[in-house]
Amino acid sequence: MLAQISFTPVGIGEETKELLAKAAKIVAQSELDYQFTSMGIIIEGDWDDVTTITRKCHEEIRKFSDRLVTNIRIDDRKGLGNRLKNNVLEVEYAVGDSLQTNGLT
């Protein structure tokens, strides 16, 4: 399963990097494969692991914000693993060239 999660604290101003860093740290300390992007974090794992990490991130940021919008997009496909990297590799193969992936591949 791939899950893209993003967190939007509301009512704390435009600078949210410190709160988002809290989520990034939780994900980085997990044993899940992940990719931090400018629009969120993509995590690969099973349902329980992904939802547990997402909940931990949400709860941590929520401590510092009266309102938090958490978006989760899930792509759940049977029988395939290592999709975080392989999906990118397949598109690069189709393009015939490397793409900007910030070291993902």
Protein backbone atom coordinates (compact mmCIF):
# COMPACT_ATOMS: atom_id res chain seq x y z
CA MET A 1 0.00 0.00 0.00
CA LEU A 2 1.13 3.50 -0.80
CA ALA A 3 -0.30 6.38 1.18
CA GLN A 4 0.28 10.06 0.54
CA ILE A 5 -0.38 12.11 3.64
CA SER A 6 -0.35 15.84 4.13
CA PHE A 7 -1.06 17.99 7.14
CA THR A 8 -2.38 21.54 7.12
CA PRO A 9 -2.45 23.25 10.51
CA VAL A 10 -5.07 26.02 10.45
CA GLY A 11 -4.97 29.29 12.35
CA ILE A 12 -1.26 29.36 13.19
CA GLY A 13 0.00 31.57 10.37
CA GLU A 14 1.89 30.73 7.22
CA GLU A 15 4.99 29.21 8.80
CA THR A 16 4.23 25.56 9.49
CA LYS A 17 7.65 24.00 8.96
CA GLU A 18 8.26 23.32 12.65
CA LEU A 19 5.01 21.37 12.96
CA LEU A 20 5.54 19.51 9.69
CA ALA A 21 9.04 18.61 10.89
CA LYS A 22 7.42 16.81 13.81
CA ALA A 23 5.51 14.59 11.38
CA ALA A 24 8.60 14.05 9.23
CA LYS A 25 10.56 12.94 12.29
CA ILE A 26 7.88 10.42 13.30
CA VAL A 27 7.84 8.94 9.80
CA ALA A 28 11.64 8.89 9.55
CA GLN A 29 11.89 7.01 12.86
CA SER A 30 9.44 4.36 11.66
CA GLU A 31 10.68 1.32 9.77
CA LEU A 32 8.55 2.17 6.74
CA ASP A 33 9.88 3.27 3.36
CA TYR A 34 8.89 6.86 2.70
CA GLN A 35 9.55 9.84 0.47
CA PHE A 36 9.21 13.36 1.81
CA THR A 37 8.02 15.75 -0.91
CA SER A 38 7.13 19.42 -1.03
CA MET A 39 3.43 18.46 -0.99
CA GLY A 40 3.42 15.74 1.67
CA ILE A 41 4.88 12.40 2.65
CA ILE A 42 4.45 9.16 0.71
CA ILE A 43 4.63 6.06 2.89
CA GLU A 44 4.74 2.41 1.86
CA GLY A 45 3.49 -0.27 4.24
CA ASP A 46 0.51 -2.33 5.26
CA TRP A 47 -2.78 -0.81 6.44
CA ASP A 48 -2.03 -1.01 10.15
CA ASP A 49 1.45 0.49 9.87
CA VAL A 50 0.37 3.32 7.56
CA THR A 51 -2.63 4.29 9.65
CA THR A 52 -0.66 4.05 12.90
CA ILE A 53 2.05 6.40 11.61
CA THR A 54 -0.54 8.77 10.15
CA ARG A 55 -2.41 8.86 13.47
CA LYS A 56 0.82 9.52 15.42
CA CYS A 57 1.70 12.41 13.11
CA HIS A 58 -1.81 13.86 13.32
CA GLU A 59 -1.91 13.63 17.10
CA GLU A 60 1.53 15.25 17.48
CA ILE A 61 0.73 18.23 15.25
CA ARG A 62 -2.73 18.57 16.81
CA LYS A 63 -1.09 19.29 20.16
CA PHE A 64 0.11 22.62 18.73
CA SER A 65 -2.81 23.61 16.52
CA ASP A 66 -6.48 24.11 17.38
CA ARG A 67 -7.42 22.89 13.92
CA LEU A 68 -5.64 20.41 11.65
CA VAL A 69 -6.64 19.15 8.22
CA THR A 70 -5.08 15.78 7.38
CA ASN A 71 -5.39 14.43 3.86
CA ILE A 72 -4.73 10.78 3.07
CA ARG A 73 -4.66 9.24 -0.41
CA ILE A 74 -4.25 5.47 -0.54
CA ASP A 75 -3.26 3.25 -3.46
CA ASP A 76 -3.72 -0.35 -2.34
CA ARG A 77 -2.69 -3.00 -4.86
CA LYS A 78 -2.41 -6.72 -4.15
CA GLY A 79 0.76 -8.64 -4.75
CA LEU A 80 3.20 -5.82 -5.38
CA GLY A 81 5.85 -4.50 -3.07
CA ASN A 82 8.56 -1.87 -3.28
CA ARG A 83 6.17 0.35 -5.23
CA LEU A 84 7.56 3.59 -3.84
CA LYS A 85 10.63 3.13 -6.04
CA ASN A 86 9.37 0.75 -8.72
CA ASN A 87 6.51 3.03 -9.83
CA VAL A 88 9.05 5.77 -10.53
CA LEU A 89 11.43 3.38 -12.29
CA GLU A 90 8.65 2.16 -14.59
CA VAL A 91 7.80 5.70 -15.67
CA GLU A 92 11.48 6.54 -16.17
CA TYR A 93 11.79 3.46 -18.37
CA ALA A 94 8.76 4.58 -20.42
CA VAL A 95 10.22 8.09 -20.76
CA GLY A 96 13.62 6.67 -21.67
CA ASP A 97 15.43 8.98 -19.28
CA SER A 98 15.86 9.79 -15.60
CA LEU A 99 13.39 12.12 -13.94
CA GLN A 100 13.92 14.49 -11.03
CA THR A 101 13.16 12.29 -8.05
CA ASN A 102 15.54 13.77 -5.46
CA GLY A 103 17.40 10.49 -5.13
CA LEU A 104 14.37 8.22 -4.93
CA THR A 105 15.70 6.02 -7.75
